[in-house]
Amino acid sequence: MADEGRIRVFIDAEAEDYRMVTDPYDHSPEIMKDVLDFLEQLGLEMVDQFEYDEEFDEDGNVITYLCERDPKVAA
């Protein structure tokens, strides 16, 4: 959790379920960049948003899916 809960990351490696849930109106872009940089260090990146329809949770937060980075690209 980051930015006082406005950015939340869920990682379930066993189920290969990786996602980030973000308040679309009230999160810090600087903290978002830090979170994405940290996820990159863990080997995760955002799935291209053109690969799925935009989703929201019951509170109106944006759900962004993550995937494992291709090790050939990451190296």
N, C-alpha and C. Protein backbone atom coordinates (compact mmCIF):
# COMPACT_ATOMS: atom_id res chain seq x y z
N MET A 1 0.85 -1.15 0.00
CA MET A 1 0.00 0.00 0.00
C MET A 1 0.91 1.23 0.00
N ALA A 2 0.51 2.24 -0.75
CA ALA A 2 1.28 3.47 -0.82
C ALA A 2 0.33 4.65 -0.91
N ASP A 3 0.87 5.82 -0.67
CA ASP A 3 0.12 7.07 -0.78
C ASP A 3 -1.16 7.01 0.05
N GLU A 4 -0.97 6.61 1.32
CA GLU A 4 -2.08 6.52 2.28
C GLU A 4 -3.23 5.65 1.78
N GLY A 5 -2.90 4.58 1.08
CA GLY A 5 -3.90 3.63 0.61
C GLY A 5 -4.51 3.96 -0.74
N ARG A 6 -4.08 5.06 -1.35
CA ARG A 6 -4.64 5.43 -2.66
C ARG A 6 -4.05 4.60 -3.79
N ILE A 7 -2.93 3.93 -3.50
CA ILE A 7 -2.33 3.00 -4.46
C ILE A 7 -2.11 1.69 -3.71
N ARG A 8 -2.73 0.62 -4.19
CA ARG A 8 -2.59 -0.68 -3.53
C ARG A 8 -2.16 -1.71 -4.57
N VAL A 9 -1.22 -2.56 -4.18
CA VAL A 9 -0.72 -3.61 -5.07
C VAL A 9 -1.07 -4.95 -4.45
N PHE A 10 -1.63 -5.83 -5.28
CA PHE A 10 -1.99 -7.18 -4.85
C PHE A 10 -1.16 -8.16 -5.67
N ILE A 11 -0.42 -9.03 -4.96
CA ILE A 11 0.42 -10.02 -5.63
C ILE A 11 0.08 -11.39 -5.09
N ASP A 12 -0.40 -12.26 -5.97
CA ASP A 12 -0.65 -13.66 -5.64
C ASP A 12 0.10 -14.47 -6.68
N ALA A 13 1.39 -14.72 -6.41
CA ALA A 13 2.25 -15.39 -7.39
C ALA A 13 1.76 -16.80 -7.70
N GLU A 14 1.23 -17.48 -6.72
CA GLU A 14 0.75 -18.85 -6.94
C GLU A 14 -0.38 -18.87 -7.97
N ALA A 15 -1.27 -17.91 -7.89
CA ALA A 15 -2.39 -17.83 -8.83
C ALA A 15 -2.05 -16.97 -10.06
N GLU A 16 -0.82 -16.45 -10.08
CA GLU A 16 -0.38 -15.55 -11.15
C GLU A 16 -1.36 -14.39 -11.31
N ASP A 17 -1.76 -13.82 -10.17
CA ASP A 17 -2.69 -12.69 -10.13
C ASP A 17 -1.93 -11.49 -9.57
N TYR A 18 -1.64 -10.54 -10.44
CA TYR A 18 -0.90 -9.35 -10.05
C TYR A 18 -1.71 -8.14 -10.51
N ARG A 19 -2.02 -7.25 -9.58
CA ARG A 19 -2.78 -6.06 -9.98
C ARG A 19 -2.51 -4.90 -9.03
N MET A 20 -2.79 -3.72 -9.54
CA MET A 20 -2.67 -2.50 -8.78
C MET A 20 -4.03 -1.81 -8.82
N VAL A 21 -4.47 -1.33 -7.66
CA VAL A 21 -5.75 -0.65 -7.56
C VAL A 21 -5.46 0.79 -7.11
N THR A 22 -5.93 1.74 -7.92
CA THR A 22 -5.55 3.13 -7.71
C THR A 22 -6.76 4.05 -7.70
N ASP A 23 -6.77 4.99 -6.76
CA ASP A 23 -7.78 6.05 -6.76
C ASP A 23 -7.48 6.93 -7.97
N PRO A 24 -8.39 7.03 -8.94
CA PRO A 24 -8.08 7.74 -10.18
C PRO A 24 -7.96 9.25 -10.02
N TYR A 25 -8.45 9.81 -8.93
CA TYR A 25 -8.48 11.26 -8.78
C TYR A 25 -7.57 11.78 -7.69
N ASP A 26 -7.15 10.91 -6.79
CA ASP A 26 -6.48 11.41 -5.59
C ASP A 26 -5.24 10.60 -5.23
N HIS A 27 -4.33 10.42 -6.20
CA HIS A 27 -3.06 9.76 -5.88
C HIS A 27 -1.92 10.64 -6.38
N SER A 28 -0.78 10.47 -5.78
CA SER A 28 0.39 11.26 -6.13
C SER A 28 1.11 10.62 -7.33
N PRO A 29 1.29 11.37 -8.43
CA PRO A 29 2.03 10.83 -9.57
C PRO A 29 3.48 10.46 -9.20
N GLU A 30 4.07 11.21 -8.27
CA GLU A 30 5.44 10.91 -7.86
C GLU A 30 5.50 9.57 -7.12
N ILE A 31 4.53 9.33 -6.25
CA ILE A 31 4.51 8.06 -5.52
C ILE A 31 4.18 6.92 -6.49
N MET A 32 3.29 7.17 -7.46
CA MET A 32 2.98 6.15 -8.47
C MET A 32 4.24 5.75 -9.21
N LYS A 33 5.07 6.71 -9.58
CA LYS A 33 6.32 6.39 -10.28
C LYS A 33 7.22 5.55 -9.39
N ASP A 34 7.31 5.89 -8.10
CA ASP A 34 8.12 5.11 -7.16
C ASP A 34 7.60 3.67 -7.06
N VAL A 35 6.27 3.51 -7.01
CA VAL A 35 5.67 2.18 -6.92
C VAL A 35 5.99 1.38 -8.19
N LEU A 36 5.84 2.01 -9.36
CA LEU A 36 6.14 1.32 -10.62
C LEU A 36 7.62 0.95 -10.71
N ASP A 37 8.50 1.83 -10.24
CA ASP A 37 9.93 1.51 -10.22
C ASP A 37 10.21 0.32 -9.31
N PHE A 38 9.55 0.28 -8.15
CA PHE A 38 9.72 -0.83 -7.22
C PHE A 38 9.21 -2.13 -7.83
N LEU A 39 8.04 -2.07 -8.47
CA LEU A 39 7.49 -3.26 -9.12
C LEU A 39 8.42 -3.76 -10.21
N GLU A 40 9.05 -2.84 -10.92
CA GLU A 40 10.01 -3.24 -11.96
C GLU A 40 11.17 -4.01 -11.34
N GLN A 41 11.63 -3.58 -10.17
CA GLN A 41 12.70 -4.29 -9.48
C GLN A 41 12.26 -5.69 -9.07
N LEU A 42 10.97 -5.87 -8.83
CA LEU A 42 10.43 -7.19 -8.49
C LEU A 42 10.17 -8.04 -9.73
N GLY A 43 10.38 -7.44 -10.92
CA GLY A 43 10.17 -8.19 -12.15
C GLY A 43 8.77 -8.08 -12.70
N LEU A 44 8.01 -7.05 -12.28
CA LEU A 44 6.64 -6.88 -12.75
C LEU A 44 6.51 -5.58 -13.55
N GLU A 45 5.56 -5.58 -14.47
CA GLU A 45 5.26 -4.38 -15.24
C GLU A 45 3.76 -4.34 -15.53
N MET A 46 3.28 -3.18 -15.94
CA MET A 46 1.87 -3.03 -16.26
C MET A 46 1.56 -3.73 -17.57
N VAL A 47 0.42 -4.42 -17.61
CA VAL A 47 -0.06 -5.01 -18.86
C VAL A 47 -0.54 -3.86 -19.73
N ASP A 48 -0.28 -3.95 -21.02
CA ASP A 48 -0.74 -2.92 -21.95
C ASP A 48 -2.25 -2.77 -21.80
N GLN A 49 -2.70 -1.56 -21.51
CA GLN A 49 -4.12 -1.34 -21.25
C GLN A 49 -5.00 -1.59 -22.46
N PHE A 50 -4.42 -1.74 -23.64
CA PHE A 50 -5.21 -2.05 -24.84
C PHE A 50 -5.56 -3.53 -24.89
N GLU A 51 -4.97 -4.34 -23.99
CA GLU A 51 -5.23 -5.78 -23.98
C GLU A 51 -6.47 -6.17 -23.19
N TYR A 52 -7.07 -5.22 -22.47
CA TYR A 52 -8.27 -5.53 -21.70
C TYR A 52 -9.10 -4.25 -21.52
N ASP A 53 -10.37 -4.43 -21.27
CA ASP A 53 -11.25 -3.29 -21.02
C ASP A 53 -10.95 -2.71 -19.65
N GLU A 54 -11.05 -1.40 -19.54
CA GLU A 54 -10.80 -0.74 -18.27
C GLU A 54 -11.76 -1.28 -17.22
N GLU A 55 -11.22 -1.53 -16.02
CA GLU A 55 -12.04 -2.08 -14.93
C GLU A 55 -11.95 -1.19 -13.71
N PHE A 56 -13.02 -1.19 -12.95
CA PHE A 56 -13.08 -0.44 -11.71
C PHE A 56 -13.58 -1.36 -10.61
N ASP A 57 -13.14 -1.11 -9.38
CA ASP A 57 -13.69 -1.88 -8.26
C ASP A 57 -14.98 -1.21 -7.78
N GLU A 58 -15.57 -1.75 -6.72
CA GLU A 58 -16.85 -1.25 -6.24
C GLU A 58 -16.78 0.18 -5.69
N ASP A 59 -15.55 0.67 -5.41
CA ASP A 59 -15.38 2.03 -4.91
C ASP A 59 -14.99 3.02 -6.00
N GLY A 60 -14.94 2.55 -7.25
CA GLY A 60 -14.58 3.43 -8.36
C GLY A 60 -13.09 3.55 -8.62
N ASN A 61 -12.28 2.73 -7.94
CA ASN A 61 -10.84 2.74 -8.16
C ASN A 61 -10.49 1.98 -9.43
N VAL A 62 -9.45 2.42 -10.11
CA VAL A 62 -9.01 1.79 -11.35
C VAL A 62 -8.20 0.54 -11.02
N ILE A 63 -8.51 -0.56 -11.70
CA ILE A 63 -7.74 -1.80 -11.56
C ILE A 63 -6.81 -1.90 -12.76
N THR A 64 -5.51 -1.97 -12.48
CA THR A 64 -4.50 -2.12 -13.52
C THR A 64 -3.82 -3.46 -13.31
N TYR A 65 -3.80 -4.27 -14.36
CA TYR A 65 -3.19 -5.58 -14.24
C TYR A 65 -1.69 -5.50 -14.49
N LEU A 66 -0.98 -6.36 -13.78
CA LEU A 66 0.48 -6.43 -13.89
C LEU A 66 0.84 -7.82 -14.40
N CYS A 67 2.01 -7.92 -14.98
CA CYS A 67 2.52 -9.21 -15.43
C CYS A 67 4.00 -9.28 -15.17
N GLU A 68 4.52 -10.50 -15.21
CA GLU A 68 5.96 -10.68 -15.05
C GLU A 68 6.66 -10.17 -16.30
N ARG A 69 7.76 -9.48 -16.09
CA ARG A 69 8.52 -8.94 -17.22
C ARG A 69 9.22 -10.07 -17.95
N ASP A 70 9.35 -9.90 -19.24
CA ASP A 70 10.11 -10.84 -20.06
C ASP A 70 11.58 -10.71 -19.67
N PRO A 71 12.19 -11.79 -19.17
CA PRO A 71 13.59 -11.68 -18.71
C PRO A 71 14.54 -11.23 -19.81
N LYS A 72 14.22 -11.54 -21.08
CA LYS A 72 15.10 -11.10 -22.17
C LYS A 72 15.05 -9.58 -22.32
N VAL A 73 13.90 -8.99 -22.08
CA VAL A 73 13.76 -7.55 -22.20
C VAL A 73 14.32 -6.87 -20.96
N ALA A 74 14.15 -7.48 -19.80
CA ALA A 74 14.59 -6.89 -18.54
C ALA A 74 16.10 -6.85 -18.42
N ALA A 75 16.79 -7.74 -19.09
CA ALA A 75 18.26 -7.83 -18.95
C ALA A 75 18.97 -6.72 -19.66
